[in-house]
Protein backbone atom coordinates (compact mmCIF):
# COMPACT_ATOMS: atom_id res chain seq x y z
CA UNK A 1 93.27 93.77 79.89
CA UNK A 2 92.19 91.76 82.93
CA UNK A 3 89.72 88.97 82.14
CA UNK A 4 89.19 87.71 85.70
CA UNK A 5 91.17 88.91 88.70
CA UNK A 6 89.41 86.36 90.95
CA UNK A 7 89.81 83.29 88.73
CA UNK A 8 91.47 79.94 89.33
CA UNK A 9 94.39 79.91 91.75
CA UNK A 10 97.75 79.33 90.05
CA UNK A 11 96.28 78.90 86.53
CA UNK A 12 98.19 76.07 84.88
CA UNK A 13 95.85 74.63 82.29
CA UNK A 14 95.18 77.13 79.54
CA UNK A 15 93.66 76.65 76.11
CA UNK A 16 91.82 78.64 73.45
CA UNK A 17 89.09 77.77 70.98
CA UNK A 18 85.72 78.88 69.65
CA UNK A 19 83.63 76.83 72.08
CA UNK A 20 80.23 78.26 71.19
CA UNK A 21 80.69 78.59 67.41
CA UNK A 22 80.31 82.37 67.25
CA UNK A 23 83.59 82.92 65.39
CA UNK A 24 85.39 84.36 68.44
CA UNK A 25 88.18 82.59 70.31
CA UNK A 26 87.24 81.81 73.93
CA UNK A 27 89.56 81.02 76.85
CA UNK A 28 89.67 77.92 79.06
CA UNK A 29 91.61 78.11 82.31
CA UNK A 30 92.10 75.60 85.13
CA UNK A 31 93.86 76.23 88.44
CA UNK A 32 96.52 73.89 89.78
CA UNK A 33 95.70 74.75 93.40
CA UNK A 34 91.98 75.51 93.39
CA UNK A 35 89.35 77.56 91.61
CA UNK A 36 88.13 74.91 89.22
CA UNK A 37 87.92 74.98 85.44
CA UNK A 38 86.56 78.13 83.81
CA UNK A 39 85.39 79.04 80.31
CA UNK A 40 85.63 82.74 79.48
CA UNK A 41 83.33 83.64 76.60
CA UNK A 42 84.66 86.23 74.17
CA UNK A 43 83.98 89.21 73.69
CA UNK A 44 82.48 90.05 77.13
CA UNK A 45 84.54 87.40 78.98
CA UNK A 46 81.39 86.07 80.62
CA UNK A 47 82.49 83.42 83.10
CA UNK A 48 81.17 79.86 82.90
CA UNK A 49 82.17 77.50 85.70
CA UNK A 50 82.73 74.17 83.98
CA UNK A 51 83.85 72.31 87.06
CA UNK A 52 84.31 73.75 90.56
CA UNK A 53 86.69 71.12 91.88
CA UNK A 54 89.92 69.35 90.95
CA UNK A 55 93.46 70.51 90.54
CA UNK A 56 94.19 70.99 86.83
CA UNK A 57 97.39 70.09 85.06
CA UNK A 58 99.04 72.00 82.22
CA UNK A 59 97.53 70.19 79.24
CA UNK A 60 94.16 71.35 77.88
CA UNK A 61 93.34 70.83 74.21
CA UNK A 62 90.47 71.82 71.93
CA UNK A 63 89.41 69.90 68.80
CA UNK A 64 86.31 68.49 67.15
CA UNK A 65 86.84 65.07 68.73
CA UNK A 66 83.47 63.58 67.74
CA UNK A 67 83.46 65.09 64.20
CA UNK A 68 80.09 66.83 64.63
CA UNK A 69 81.27 70.34 63.71
CA UNK A 70 81.40 71.59 67.31
CA UNK A 71 84.67 72.20 69.12
CA UNK A 72 85.18 69.90 72.14
CA UNK A 73 87.94 69.88 74.71
CA UNK A 74 89.94 67.56 76.92
CA UNK A 75 91.90 68.41 80.05
CA UNK A 76 94.09 66.71 82.62
CA UNK A 77 93.54 66.90 86.34
CA UNK A 78 96.20 65.70 88.74
CA UNK A 79 94.59 62.22 88.59
CA UNK A 80 92.39 61.90 85.47
CA UNK A 81 91.73 62.78 81.83
CA UNK A 82 88.37 64.50 81.41
CA UNK A 83 86.54 65.72 78.33
CA UNK A 84 83.54 67.78 77.26
CA UNK A 85 81.45 67.69 74.12
CA UNK A 86 79.94 71.01 73.15
CA UNK A 87 76.39 70.91 71.81
């Protein structure tokens, strides 16, 4: 199965989690060279561009950081720690 054959270049950061609360595990991928940070929504693998820029490192994590019942995620770029709260 190919999810995206035109996705981030050299995908380093990879994580999984149910980002939209539908009971299906989604994919998060960030490229170390270019291509940005992408969220692939299961089951159709609809592509959501989260951030077009930055070079992403290997560590991406999902958890309910703010304890509101929604899964959030954090990721490392080459120079910063960034995070997103899902609504």
